[in-house]
Protein backbone atom coordinates (compact mmCIF):
# COMPACT_ATOMS: atom_id res chain seq x y z
CA MET A 1 136.24 126.67 129.07
CA THR A 2 139.48 128.09 127.68
CA LEU A 3 141.26 124.75 128.12
CA ILE A 4 138.43 123.06 126.22
CA ILE A 5 138.88 125.56 123.37
CA ILE A 6 142.64 124.94 123.39
CA ALA A 7 142.09 121.16 123.31
CA TYR A 8 139.59 121.53 120.43
CA LEU A 9 142.01 123.67 118.40
CA GLY A 10 144.83 121.21 119.15
CA GLY A 11 142.72 118.40 117.73
CA ALA A 12 141.87 120.48 114.66
CA LEU A 13 145.60 121.01 114.05
CA THR A 14 146.14 117.23 113.73
CA ILE A 15 145.02 117.55 110.10
CA LEU A 16 148.46 119.17 109.54
CA SER A 17 150.24 116.24 111.18
CA PRO A 18 151.59 113.18 109.32
CA CYS A 19 150.12 111.06 112.14
CA ILE A 20 146.67 111.55 110.61
CA LEU A 21 147.73 109.92 107.33
CA PRO A 22 147.05 106.24 108.25
CA ILE A 23 143.40 106.91 109.11
CA LEU A 24 142.60 109.25 106.19
CA PRO A 25 141.76 106.35 103.83
CA PHE A 26 139.17 105.02 106.32
CA VAL A 27 137.53 108.43 106.35
CA PHE A 28 137.69 109.12 102.60
CA ALA A 29 136.13 105.73 101.90
CA ARG A 30 132.86 107.40 103.01
CA ALA A 31 133.28 110.36 100.63
CA GLY A 32 130.25 111.18 98.58
CA GLN A 33 127.80 109.50 100.98
CA PRO A 34 125.14 111.26 103.08
CA PHE A 35 126.70 113.29 105.89
CA ILE A 36 124.08 112.48 108.56
CA ARG A 37 123.94 108.72 107.93
CA SER A 38 127.58 108.11 107.07
CA THR A 39 130.15 110.78 107.86
CA LEU A 40 128.72 112.06 111.16
CA PRO A 41 128.28 108.62 112.82
CA MET A 42 131.77 107.56 111.76
CA LEU A 43 133.47 110.69 113.08
CA THR A 44 131.38 110.54 116.26
CA GLY A 45 132.42 106.94 116.87
CA MET A 46 136.05 107.82 116.22
CA ALA A 47 136.04 110.80 118.59
CA ALA A 48 134.16 109.03 121.39
CA THR A 49 136.33 105.91 121.24
CA PHE A 50 139.58 107.89 121.18
CA ALA A 51 138.46 109.94 124.20
CA LEU A 52 137.57 106.78 126.13
CA VAL A 53 140.78 104.93 125.23
CA ALA A 54 142.96 107.97 125.93
CA THR A 55 141.31 108.47 129.34
CA LEU A 56 141.98 104.84 130.28
CA ALA A 57 145.55 105.04 128.98
CA ALA A 58 146.20 108.18 131.03
CA VAL A 59 144.80 106.95 134.33
CA GLY A 60 144.36 103.19 134.01
CA GLY A 61 146.63 100.35 135.00
CA SER A 62 147.97 97.39 133.06
CA TRP A 63 144.45 96.04 132.49
CA ALA A 64 143.71 99.12 130.38
CA ILE A 65 146.84 98.51 128.32
CA HIS A 66 145.85 94.90 127.63
CA ALA A 67 142.25 95.87 126.80
CA ASN A 68 143.50 98.47 124.34
CA GLU A 69 145.82 95.92 122.69
CA TYR A 70 142.91 93.51 122.10
CA GLY A 71 140.72 96.32 120.80
CA ARG A 72 143.42 97.50 118.40
CA PHE A 73 143.92 93.97 117.09
CA ALA A 74 140.19 93.56 116.45
CA ALA A 75 140.07 96.98 114.73
CA ILE A 76 143.05 96.12 112.50
CA VAL A 77 141.35 92.90 111.38
CA LEU A 78 138.03 94.66 110.78
CA LEU A 79 139.52 97.50 108.76
CA ALA A 80 141.75 95.12 106.79
CA VAL A 81 138.64 93.19 105.75
CA PHE A 82 136.99 96.50 104.87
CA GLY A 83 139.98 97.40 102.69
CA VAL A 84 140.01 94.03 100.93
CA SER A 85 136.29 94.31 100.17
CA LEU A 86 136.95 97.70 98.56
CA LEU A 87 139.97 96.48 96.63
CA SER A 88 138.30 93.47 95.03
CA PRO A 89 134.99 92.08 96.29
CA ARG A 90 135.37 89.10 93.92
CA VAL A 91 138.79 88.12 95.26
CA ALA A 92 137.67 88.83 98.79
CA SER A 93 134.66 86.54 98.43
CA MET A 94 136.95 83.67 97.49
CA VAL A 95 139.01 84.19 100.64
CA ALA A 96 136.38 84.59 103.36
CA ARG A 97 132.82 85.03 102.17
CA PRO A 98 131.04 85.55 105.51
CA VAL A 99 133.63 87.95 106.92
CA VAL A 100 133.87 89.99 103.74
CA ASP A 101 130.08 90.15 103.51
CA PHE A 102 130.33 91.93 106.84
CA GLY A 103 133.00 94.23 105.40
CA ASN A 104 130.79 94.99 102.42
CA SER A 105 127.87 95.68 104.72
CA LEU A 106 130.08 98.22 106.50
CA LEU A 107 130.93 99.81 103.16
CA ASN A 108 127.28 99.74 102.03
CA ALA A 109 128.19 101.92 99.10
CA SER A 110 127.79 99.86 95.97
CA ASP A 111 126.48 101.37 92.82
CA LYS A 112 123.25 99.42 93.00
CA PRO A 113 120.12 101.55 92.92
CA GLY A 114 118.67 102.17 96.31
CA SER A 115 121.76 101.19 98.27
CA ALA A 116 122.53 103.51 101.17
CA PRO A 117 124.90 103.55 104.09
CA THR A 118 123.54 102.95 107.55
CA ALA A 119 124.42 104.94 110.64
CA ALA A 120 125.23 101.71 112.51
CA SER A 121 127.80 100.54 109.96
CA SER A 122 129.43 103.96 109.90
CA LEU A 123 129.50 104.07 113.70
CA ILE A 124 131.26 100.67 113.82
CA LEU A 125 133.89 101.92 111.38
CA GLY A 126 134.33 105.04 113.51
CA VAL A 127 134.82 102.97 116.67
CA ALA A 128 137.46 100.87 114.90
CA THR A 129 139.19 104.01 113.64
CA GLY A 130 139.17 105.53 117.13
CA LEU A 131 140.88 102.43 118.53
CA LEU A 132 143.70 102.81 115.99
CA TRP A 133 144.08 106.57 115.94
CA ALA A 134 147.25 107.59 117.79
CA PRO A 135 147.76 111.35 117.32
CA CYS A 136 151.25 112.76 117.74
CA ALA A 137 151.60 114.08 121.27
CA GLY A 138 152.42 117.73 120.67
CA PRO A 139 152.31 120.46 123.36
CA ILE A 140 148.50 120.56 123.56
CA LEU A 141 147.85 116.81 123.83
CA GLY A 142 150.80 116.61 126.23
CA LEU A 143 149.12 119.24 128.41
CA VAL A 144 145.82 117.29 128.39
CA LEU A 145 147.43 113.93 129.18
CA THR A 146 149.63 115.38 131.92
CA GLY A 147 146.55 116.91 133.53
CA ALA A 148 144.78 113.56 133.26
CA ALA A 149 147.68 111.77 134.92
CA LEU A 150 147.79 114.32 137.75
CA GLN A 151 144.07 114.64 138.42
CA GLY A 152 142.89 111.12 137.65
CA ALA A 153 139.72 110.06 135.87
CA ASN A 154 137.14 112.83 136.06
CA ILE A 155 134.69 114.74 133.91
CA GLN A 156 137.23 117.44 133.03
CA THR A 157 139.74 114.88 131.75
CA THR A 158 137.15 113.23 129.52
CA LEU A 159 135.74 116.57 128.30
CA LEU A 160 139.21 117.77 127.28
CA LEU A 161 139.91 114.55 125.39
CA VAL A 162 136.47 114.68 123.76
CA ALA A 163 137.18 118.30 122.74
CA TYR A 164 140.55 117.27 121.27
CA ALA A 165 138.95 114.41 119.33
CA ALA A 166 136.07 116.66 118.23
CA GLY A 167 138.58 119.14 116.83
CA ALA A 168 140.21 116.38 114.80
CA ALA A 169 136.80 115.16 113.65
CA THR A 170 135.84 118.68 112.54
CA SER A 171 138.96 119.11 110.41
CA LEU A 172 138.47 115.62 108.95
CA ALA A 173 134.84 116.44 108.16
CA LEU A 174 135.89 119.57 106.28
CA ALA A 175 138.53 117.57 104.40
CA LEU A 176 135.95 114.90 103.62
CA ILE A 177 133.46 117.43 102.24
CA ALA A 178 136.14 118.81 99.94
CA GLY A 179 137.33 115.32 99.01
CA GLY A 180 133.79 114.15 98.33
CA ARG A 181 133.34 116.88 95.74
CA ILE A 182 136.59 115.89 94.06
CA PHE A 183 135.61 112.21 93.97
CA ALA A 184 132.17 113.08 92.59
CA ALA A 185 133.74 115.16 89.83
CA LEU A 186 136.11 112.33 88.94
CA LYS A 187 133.26 109.81 88.75
CA GLN A 188 131.17 112.05 86.51
CA SER A 189 133.92 113.19 84.17
CA LEU A 190 136.00 110.00 83.95
CA GLY A 191 133.62 107.21 84.92
CA ILE A 192 136.17 105.56 87.20
CA SER A 193 134.06 104.77 90.24
CA GLU A 194 135.39 101.22 90.54
CA ARG A 195 138.99 102.39 90.18
CA ILE A 196 138.49 104.90 93.01
CA ARG A 197 137.16 102.09 95.19
CA GLN A 198 140.27 100.03 94.47
CA VAL A 199 142.64 102.91 95.18
CA LEU A 200 140.88 103.56 98.50
CA GLY A 201 141.05 99.86 99.32
CA ALA A 202 144.80 99.82 98.69
CA ALA A 203 145.21 102.98 100.78
CA ILE A 204 143.24 101.44 103.65
CA LEU A 205 145.40 98.32 103.61
CA ALA A 206 148.52 100.53 103.57
CA GLY A 207 147.14 102.49 106.55
CA VAL A 208 146.39 99.26 108.43
CA ALA A 209 149.94 98.05 107.72
CA ALA A 210 151.44 101.34 108.91
CA ILE A 211 149.46 101.17 112.18
CA ALA A 212 150.22 97.47 112.71
CA LEU A 213 153.95 98.17 112.27
CA GLY A 214 153.82 101.12 114.66
CA LEU A 215 154.77 103.72 112.06
CA ASP A 216 151.96 106.00 113.24
CA THR A 217 153.62 106.37 116.66
CA GLY A 218 157.22 106.02 115.51
CA LEU A 219 158.29 107.47 112.18
CA LEU A 220 155.22 109.67 111.67
CA ALA A 221 155.39 111.01 115.23
CA ARG A 222 158.95 112.15 114.62
CA LEU A 223 158.00 113.83 111.36
CA SER A 224 155.10 115.56 113.08
CA TYR A 225 156.96 117.01 116.05
CA ALA A 226 158.53 119.93 114.19
CA SER A 227 155.58 120.50 111.86
CA THR A 228 152.88 121.11 114.46
CA ALA A 229 154.63 122.03 117.72
CA ALA A 230 155.05 125.69 116.73
CA PHE A 231 151.38 126.02 115.77
CA GLU A 232 150.22 124.36 118.98
CA GLN A 233 152.49 126.49 121.17
CA ALA A 234 151.10 129.60 119.45
CA VAL A 235 147.56 128.45 120.33
CA LEU A 236 148.59 127.91 123.98
CA ASP A 237 150.27 131.30 124.19
CA ARG A 238 147.30 133.16 122.68
CA LEU A 239 144.35 131.42 124.30
CA HIS A 240 145.43 130.08 127.68
CA ALA A 241 143.63 131.96 130.43
CA ASN A 242 144.64 132.27 134.04
CA PRO A 243 141.67 130.68 135.88
CA ALA A 244 142.40 132.78 138.93
CA ALA A 245 141.64 135.86 136.89
CA GLY A 246 139.01 134.45 134.58
CA ALA A 247 140.40 136.34 131.60
CA PRO A 248 143.17 135.88 129.06
CA SER A 249 146.56 137.29 129.92
CA GLU A 250 149.69 137.60 127.87
CA ALA A 251 152.96 136.75 129.61
CA VAL A 252 154.71 139.97 128.62
CA GLY A 253 156.62 142.61 130.54
CA ASN A 254 156.06 146.33 130.64
CA GLY A 255 159.34 147.20 129.01
CA THR A 256 159.63 150.38 131.13
CA THR A 257 163.16 151.07 132.38
CA VAL A 258 162.81 154.62 133.78
CA ALA A 259 160.56 156.21 136.38
CA ALA A 260 157.28 157.79 135.36
CA ALA A 261 157.29 161.42 134.31
CA GLY A 262 156.92 163.85 137.19
CA ALA A 263 159.04 163.48 140.28
CA MET A 264 156.05 163.48 142.66
CA GLN A 265 153.89 161.06 140.69
CA PRO A 266 154.08 157.42 141.92
CA PHE A 267 155.11 154.82 139.40
CA ARG A 268 152.33 152.60 138.07
CA SER A 269 153.20 149.57 135.95
CA SER A 270 151.14 148.84 132.86
CA LEU A 271 151.17 145.10 133.61
CA PRO A 272 147.58 143.75 133.47
CA ASP A 273 145.55 142.90 136.57
CA GLU A 274 144.82 139.15 136.54
CA GLY A 275 142.82 138.99 139.77
CA TYR A 276 143.55 138.17 143.40
CA ALA A 277 146.24 135.58 144.07
CA PRO A 278 144.91 132.26 145.40
CA SER A 279 145.76 130.87 148.82
CA LEU A 280 149.10 129.20 149.50
CA ASN A 281 147.47 126.83 152.00
CA GLY A 282 147.59 123.08 151.37
CA ALA A 283 151.32 122.34 151.23
CA VAL A 284 152.22 119.13 153.09
CA GLU A 285 155.47 120.75 154.30
CA TRP A 286 157.56 123.88 153.85
CA LEU A 287 161.34 123.94 153.39
CA ASN A 288 163.60 126.89 154.24
CA SER A 289 160.68 128.69 155.91
CA PRO A 290 157.64 128.28 158.16
CA PRO A 291 154.34 128.16 156.23
CA LEU A 292 153.55 131.44 154.48
CA THR A 293 150.16 132.91 153.64
CA THR A 294 149.08 135.49 151.10
CA GLU A 295 148.03 137.74 154.00
CA GLN A 296 151.52 137.61 155.54
CA LEU A 297 153.03 138.54 152.16
CA ARG A 298 150.84 141.61 151.62
CA GLY A 299 153.08 144.58 150.88
CA LYS A 300 155.70 142.36 149.24
CA VAL A 301 156.16 141.48 145.57
CA VAL A 302 155.95 137.67 145.34
CA LEU A 303 157.26 135.37 142.61
CA VAL A 304 155.59 131.94 142.73
CA ASP A 305 157.62 129.34 140.83
CA PHE A 306 155.93 126.00 140.12
CA TRP A 307 158.60 123.35 139.58
CA THR A 308 159.49 119.69 140.07
CA TYR A 309 163.05 118.63 140.70
CA SER A 310 163.62 116.10 137.86
CA CYS A 311 162.09 118.32 135.15
CA ILE A 312 164.86 119.52 132.82
CA ASN A 313 162.93 122.70 131.94
CA CYS A 314 162.68 123.54 135.65
CA ILE A 315 166.36 122.75 136.22
CA ARG A 316 167.38 125.16 133.45
CA THR A 317 165.15 127.89 134.91
CA THR A 318 166.43 127.51 138.48
CA PRO A 319 169.64 129.60 138.07
CA TYR A 320 167.53 132.62 137.06
CA VAL A 321 165.06 132.18 139.93
CA ARG A 322 167.96 131.86 142.40
CA ALA A 323 169.59 135.00 140.96
CA TRP A 324 166.35 137.02 141.16
CA ALA A 325 165.77 135.92 144.76
CA GLU A 326 169.26 137.07 145.74
CA LYS A 327 169.34 140.29 143.69
CA TYR A 328 165.96 141.68 144.77
CA LYS A 329 165.41 140.35 148.29
CA GLU A 330 166.47 143.68 149.84
CA GLN A 331 164.03 145.50 147.53
CA GLY A 332 161.03 143.50 148.79
CA LEU A 333 160.86 140.47 146.48
CA VAL A 334 159.85 137.13 148.02
CA VAL A 335 160.38 134.03 145.89
CA ILE A 336 158.33 130.93 146.72
CA GLY A 337 159.02 127.64 144.98
CA VAL A 338 155.95 125.38 144.80
CA HIS A 339 157.18 121.84 144.26
CA ALA A 340 154.41 119.86 142.51
CA PRO A 341 155.61 116.31 141.67
CA GLU A 342 155.33 114.69 138.25
CA PHE A 343 156.58 111.22 139.29
CA ALA A 344 155.80 109.30 142.47
CA PHE A 345 159.42 109.48 143.69
CA GLU A 346 159.17 113.29 143.66
CA LYS A 347 156.59 113.07 146.44
CA LYS A 348 159.24 111.87 148.87
CA ILE A 349 160.10 114.87 150.99
CA ASP A 350 163.66 113.70 151.62
CA ASN A 351 164.22 113.58 147.84
CA VAL A 352 162.95 117.15 147.49
CA ARG A 353 165.05 118.32 150.45
CA ARG A 354 168.17 116.79 148.84
CA ALA A 355 167.33 118.46 145.51
CA VAL A 356 166.86 121.85 147.23
CA ASP A 357 170.35 121.45 148.71
CA ASP A 358 171.86 120.28 145.41
CA PHE A 359 170.39 123.24 143.51
CA LYS A 360 171.46 125.64 146.30
CA ILE A 361 167.91 126.94 146.72
CA GLY A 362 167.67 129.22 149.74
CA TYR A 363 164.18 130.67 149.24
CA PRO A 364 161.01 129.07 150.73
CA VAL A 365 159.71 125.91 149.04
CA ALA A 366 156.14 124.66 149.55
CA ILE A 367 155.82 120.91 148.93
CA ASP A 368 152.50 120.61 147.08
CA ASN A 369 152.17 116.82 146.94
CA ASP A 370 148.36 116.98 146.78
CA TYR A 371 148.39 119.67 144.03
CA THR A 372 146.30 121.94 146.26
CA ILE A 373 148.19 125.13 145.38
CA TRP A 374 148.57 123.93 141.77
CA ARG A 375 144.79 123.67 141.40
CA ALA A 376 144.17 126.94 143.26
CA PHE A 377 146.25 128.76 140.65
CA GLY A 378 144.68 126.72 137.83
CA ASN A 379 148.20 125.84 136.76
CA SER A 380 149.05 123.29 134.06
CA TYR A 381 152.78 123.71 133.46
CA TRP A 382 156.30 123.02 134.73
CA PRO A 383 157.86 125.51 135.16
CA ALA A 384 155.33 128.31 135.63
CA HIS A 385 155.96 131.76 137.09
CA TYR A 386 153.30 134.01 138.63
CA LEU A 387 154.13 137.53 139.88
CA ILE A 388 151.94 138.94 142.66
CA ASP A 389 152.01 142.66 143.46
CA ALA A 390 152.09 144.30 146.88
CA SER A 391 148.29 144.39 147.08
CA GLY A 392 147.98 140.63 146.50
CA ARG A 393 146.96 140.60 142.83
CA ILE A 394 148.51 138.56 140.04
CA ARG A 395 150.05 140.91 137.48
CA TYR A 396 152.17 138.65 135.27
CA HIS A 397 152.67 134.99 134.38
CA HIS A 398 154.96 133.01 132.14
CA PHE A 399 154.89 129.30 131.30
CA GLY A 400 157.97 127.27 130.38
CA GLU A 401 161.57 128.31 129.90
CA GLY A 402 162.72 131.60 128.45
CA ASN A 403 161.40 135.17 128.62
CA TYR A 404 163.90 135.79 131.42
CA ASP A 405 164.51 139.45 130.56
CA GLN A 406 160.76 140.17 130.36
CA THR A 407 160.14 138.40 133.68
CA GLU A 408 162.91 140.35 135.39
CA GLN A 409 161.57 143.60 133.92
CA ALA A 410 158.15 142.74 135.39
CA ILE A 411 159.78 142.13 138.79
CA GLN A 412 161.45 145.54 138.65
CA ASP A 413 158.22 147.25 137.59
CA LEU A 414 156.23 145.78 140.48
CA LEU A 415 158.96 146.59 142.99
CA ARG A 416 158.98 150.22 141.84
CA GLU A 417 155.20 150.26 141.99
CA ALA A 418 155.45 149.03 145.61
CA GLY A 419 157.68 152.00 146.46
CA SER A 420 161.21 150.79 145.83
CA ASP A 421 163.61 153.48 144.61
CA MET A 422 165.90 150.92 142.99
CA ALA A 423 167.92 152.07 140.02
CA ALA A 424 167.57 150.42 136.64
CA SER A 425 170.04 147.57 136.17
CA ALA A 426 171.02 144.98 133.59
CA PRO A 427 169.24 141.61 133.79
CA VAL A 428 170.92 138.75 135.59
CA ALA A 429 173.20 136.44 133.59
CA PRO A 430 173.76 133.27 135.64
CA ASP A 431 176.84 131.18 134.97
CA ALA A 432 174.86 127.97 134.56
CA LYS A 433 176.73 124.70 134.18
CA GLY A 434 175.83 121.07 133.57
CA ALA A 435 172.12 120.36 133.22
CA GLU A 436 171.32 123.93 134.33
CA ALA A 437 172.82 125.38 131.13
CA GLY A 438 170.33 126.58 128.52
CA PRO A 439 169.36 124.25 125.66
CA ASP A 440 170.78 124.31 122.15
CA THR A 441 167.31 124.84 120.68
CA LYS A 442 168.37 125.11 117.04
CA ASN A 443 169.78 121.56 117.09
CA ILE A 444 167.16 119.67 119.14
CA ARG A 445 165.45 116.99 117.06
CA SER A 446 164.55 114.66 119.94
CA GLY A 447 161.74 115.17 122.43
CA GLU A 448 160.97 114.06 125.98
CA THR A 449 160.49 110.27 126.06
CA TYR A 450 158.93 108.29 128.93
CA LEU A 451 159.89 104.70 129.72
CA GLY A 452 156.84 103.74 131.82
CA TYR A 453 154.05 102.07 129.85
CA LYS A 454 151.54 104.81 130.73
CA ARG A 455 153.26 107.26 128.36
CA ALA A 456 155.83 105.16 126.48
CA THR A 457 156.21 105.77 122.73
CA SER A 458 158.66 104.74 119.99
CA PHE A 459 159.65 101.47 121.70
CA ALA A 460 162.08 99.55 119.47
CA SER A 461 162.93 96.31 121.29
CA ARG A 462 162.23 93.14 119.31
CA GLU A 463 159.72 92.06 121.96
CA ASN A 464 156.45 93.85 122.72
CA LEU A 465 156.40 95.92 125.88
CA SER A 466 154.78 93.94 128.74
CA ALA A 467 153.08 95.89 131.51
CA ASP A 468 154.02 95.05 135.12
CA ALA A 469 155.71 91.77 134.15
CA SER A 470 159.36 90.70 134.19
CA ARG A 471 160.54 90.00 130.66
CA GLN A 472 163.70 89.50 128.62
CA TYR A 473 164.18 92.25 126.03
CA SER A 474 166.63 92.72 123.19
CA VAL A 475 167.27 95.60 120.83
CA ALA A 476 169.20 96.01 117.59
CA GLU A 477 170.05 99.44 116.16
CA PRO A 478 167.17 101.85 116.88
CA THR A 479 166.30 104.49 114.29
CA LEU A 480 166.15 108.19 115.13
CA ASN A 481 164.12 108.86 118.31
CA GLU A 482 163.48 105.20 118.98
CA TRP A 483 164.60 103.46 122.17
CA GLY A 484 164.75 99.92 123.42
CA LEU A 485 165.61 97.76 126.41
CA SER A 486 168.03 94.83 126.61
CA GLY A 487 168.16 92.38 129.48
CA ILE A 488 165.46 91.46 131.98
CA TRP A 489 163.21 94.39 132.93
CA THR A 490 159.83 95.00 134.54
CA VAL A 491 158.09 97.98 132.93
CA GLY A 492 155.71 99.75 135.29
CA ALA A 493 153.36 102.66 134.71
CA GLU A 494 156.04 105.31 135.38
CA GLN A 495 159.38 103.53 135.12
CA ALA A 496 161.31 100.53 133.84
CA THR A 497 163.09 98.52 136.56
CA LEU A 498 166.10 96.29 135.84
CA ASP A 499 165.63 92.83 137.40
CA GLN A 500 169.10 91.42 136.66
CA ALA A 501 172.50 93.05 136.23
CA ASN A 502 173.95 93.86 132.79
CA GLY A 503 170.75 95.16 131.29
CA GLY A 504 170.78 98.25 129.11
CA ILE A 505 168.88 100.97 127.29
CA ALA A 506 169.65 102.23 123.79
CA TYR A 507 168.37 105.46 122.20
CA ARG A 508 169.10 107.04 118.79
CA PHE A 509 168.93 110.79 119.43
CA SER A 510 169.85 114.11 117.86
CA ALA A 511 170.56 116.92 120.35
CA ARG A 512 173.50 118.50 122.12
CA ASP A 513 172.55 117.11 125.54
CA LEU A 514 170.98 113.82 126.64
CA HIS A 515 169.57 113.43 130.15
CA LEU A 516 167.97 110.42 131.80
CA VAL A 517 165.97 110.38 135.04
CA LEU A 518 167.29 107.44 137.07
CA GLY A 519 166.94 106.09 140.60
CA PRO A 520 168.63 103.28 142.61
CA GLY A 521 165.31 101.51 143.22
CA ALA A 522 163.71 100.18 146.37
CA ALA A 523 166.99 98.87 147.80
CA SER A 524 168.54 102.37 147.59
CA LYS A 525 171.91 100.78 146.81
CA PRO A 526 174.23 102.55 144.35
CA VAL A 527 174.00 101.23 140.80
CA ARG A 528 177.09 101.40 138.60
CA PHE A 529 176.70 102.03 134.88
CA LYS A 530 178.71 102.63 131.72
CA VAL A 531 177.69 104.85 128.79
CA THR A 532 178.79 104.53 125.17
CA ILE A 533 177.99 106.72 122.20
CA ASP A 534 178.12 105.08 118.76
CA GLY A 535 179.69 102.09 120.51
CA LYS A 536 182.63 104.03 121.99
CA ALA A 537 183.45 105.82 125.23
CA PRO A 538 182.01 109.37 125.08
CA GLY A 539 185.35 111.11 125.68
CA ALA A 540 184.89 114.87 125.30
CA ASP A 541 181.16 114.33 124.72
CA HIS A 542 180.52 113.10 128.28
CA GLY A 543 177.90 114.79 130.43
CA ALA A 544 178.27 116.24 133.92
CA ASP A 545 177.34 112.96 135.67
CA ILE A 546 179.84 110.62 133.97
CA ASP A 547 183.56 110.68 133.20
CA ALA A 548 185.23 110.58 129.79
CA GLY A 549 185.22 106.78 129.92
CA GLY A 550 181.42 106.77 130.33
CA ASN A 551 181.45 105.56 133.94
CA GLY A 552 178.89 106.74 136.46
CA THR A 553 176.84 105.70 139.49
CA VAL A 554 173.16 106.14 140.31
CA THR A 555 173.04 107.21 143.94
CA SER A 556 169.70 109.04 144.19
CA THR A 557 166.57 109.45 142.10
CA ARG A 558 167.11 112.49 139.91
CA LEU A 559 167.99 113.69 136.42
CA TYR A 560 171.45 112.66 135.21
CA GLN A 561 173.22 114.50 132.40
CA LEU A 562 174.94 111.76 130.43
CA ILE A 563 175.88 113.33 127.07
CA ARG A 564 176.91 116.83 126.03
CA GLN A 565 178.23 116.83 122.47
CA SER A 566 181.31 119.04 122.33
CA GLY A 567 181.45 119.44 118.56
CA ASP A 568 178.86 119.63 115.82
CA VAL A 569 175.52 118.16 116.89
CA GLU A 570 174.54 115.08 114.89
CA ALA A 571 172.43 111.96 115.31
CA ARG A 572 174.17 109.50 117.65
CA THR A 573 173.33 106.14 119.20
CA PHE A 574 173.43 106.28 123.00
CA GLU A 575 173.63 103.15 125.12
CA ILE A 576 173.79 102.78 128.89
CA ARG A 577 174.58 99.42 130.49
CA PHE A 578 173.94 98.90 134.21
CA LEU A 579 176.42 96.70 136.06
CA ASP A 580 174.06 96.19 139.01
CA ALA A 581 170.38 95.28 139.22
CA GLY A 582 167.58 97.39 140.66
CA VAL A 583 167.93 100.65 138.74
CA GLU A 584 164.76 102.52 137.82
CA ALA A 585 164.65 104.52 134.55
CA TYR A 586 161.91 107.10 134.08
CA ALA A 587 162.38 109.52 131.17
CA PHE A 588 164.81 110.90 128.59
CA THR A 589 165.04 114.65 128.04
CA PHE A 590 167.26 116.66 125.69
CA GLY A 591 168.85 120.06 125.43
């Protein structure tokens, strides 16, 4: 239920996002008309269609992509006709009488006595709007879509997307009620009903043009990222409940650094009780340890770390988890990494074993390829930390990077509560290098970007992205946060695969660090590549996985740090050209 509330509030927040702008004219064209017969059917059609399309996009294959493309094209034509009929019915009638008659029947809002909108016409407009609506994927929608991709098509996926769309519909309805009153006042005081129709018609055509040109998922998405992400993250932090406990819990530490008053009185942490820890059964394999159970761990303080090895947020958290495992193992702390894959290649146990070695992880790792432990904890995040006390109850959780001092304080509190007489000490300060180093958050203006068609956005090649088909692509100069392919590629659901040598990827980004998840492909042969930044060798701005000349080799499927700007952070154009065929490219991340 809490996730449904979060999804609903996330949808309601889209009214603050520039991504809502292209569809506002479609909605305001119904201002001043009866709510039950006009506004409600339209918003219902919009919400239901978006939920259906988003579900198919999250879990469907290439057929869903093609079906959505045809539906969007039909919706663009329909709403363009609707806009023309508003702008000038006389001109429209000269162009295409039968089609525009249909557009006027959808409008059904002339000033003739007795005219009234119908629920059916409003519902059709809502369906068309839902096909075109592409909300900016902030933290909340990202959470919903990631869950959909992990769990497949099910009732929960659809309910969350319906809740998100219902939230957007609610905020639009409130805006429409307020707008309707303004339009009514203008009509009464100025007598400009026809002029309002024409303005709305022009706005609808502008919205259709923006959607057809991809501005709703390109330029507007970039403008939206900073404006709504903070609000959405605040909603997640305040309302997300731990399903294992059934009640909300704040991820905060106790802040206590000295023993409780009274030498004979045992220490008791003020961390909240979030319920019994779920079972650790269900892992397909354990690394660095035989299988562990919650019963075996009774009497120990346990830190459960959900991670996946190509996730940049997990990589940057790993130095702290390693340091905690080492610092507190003699005091009774057991750290368990639960590896839950995001991409298919992360399900390969050999890949995980290599990553465990690369990251110098010595604590037990449960490989949760079937998401059994993930679901038992009701988890939805990478990384996620859960602290379990000596009696087997969850007492603390934190999602994402950061809060390291608070998490370590919680570890110390629970160890003291379990009987440790450890002295207070300063928090760990790992000497993290390369991709493990913390992000430069104040200068990040680029967000995680996927290259597989299931979650691809801001694609800037001259050609349209083709699902599961080999195609020649070309790209000019992308604008900020756009990317494009050049050469012959096959774009799959999760990754883009280079079919012939000398293909490339370009991205205009603004951040200190640029990372790209790459793999050598099915042949497992090394793939050589060369990176340029603004058309030149990166020099001092090279990342940990290339040299100053921009040269590197893909030898395994993992995250590669390709750029670390050494001076002032500014927008730069990154390009990587692969000298050999077969490489697989999954996702860009930034730091």
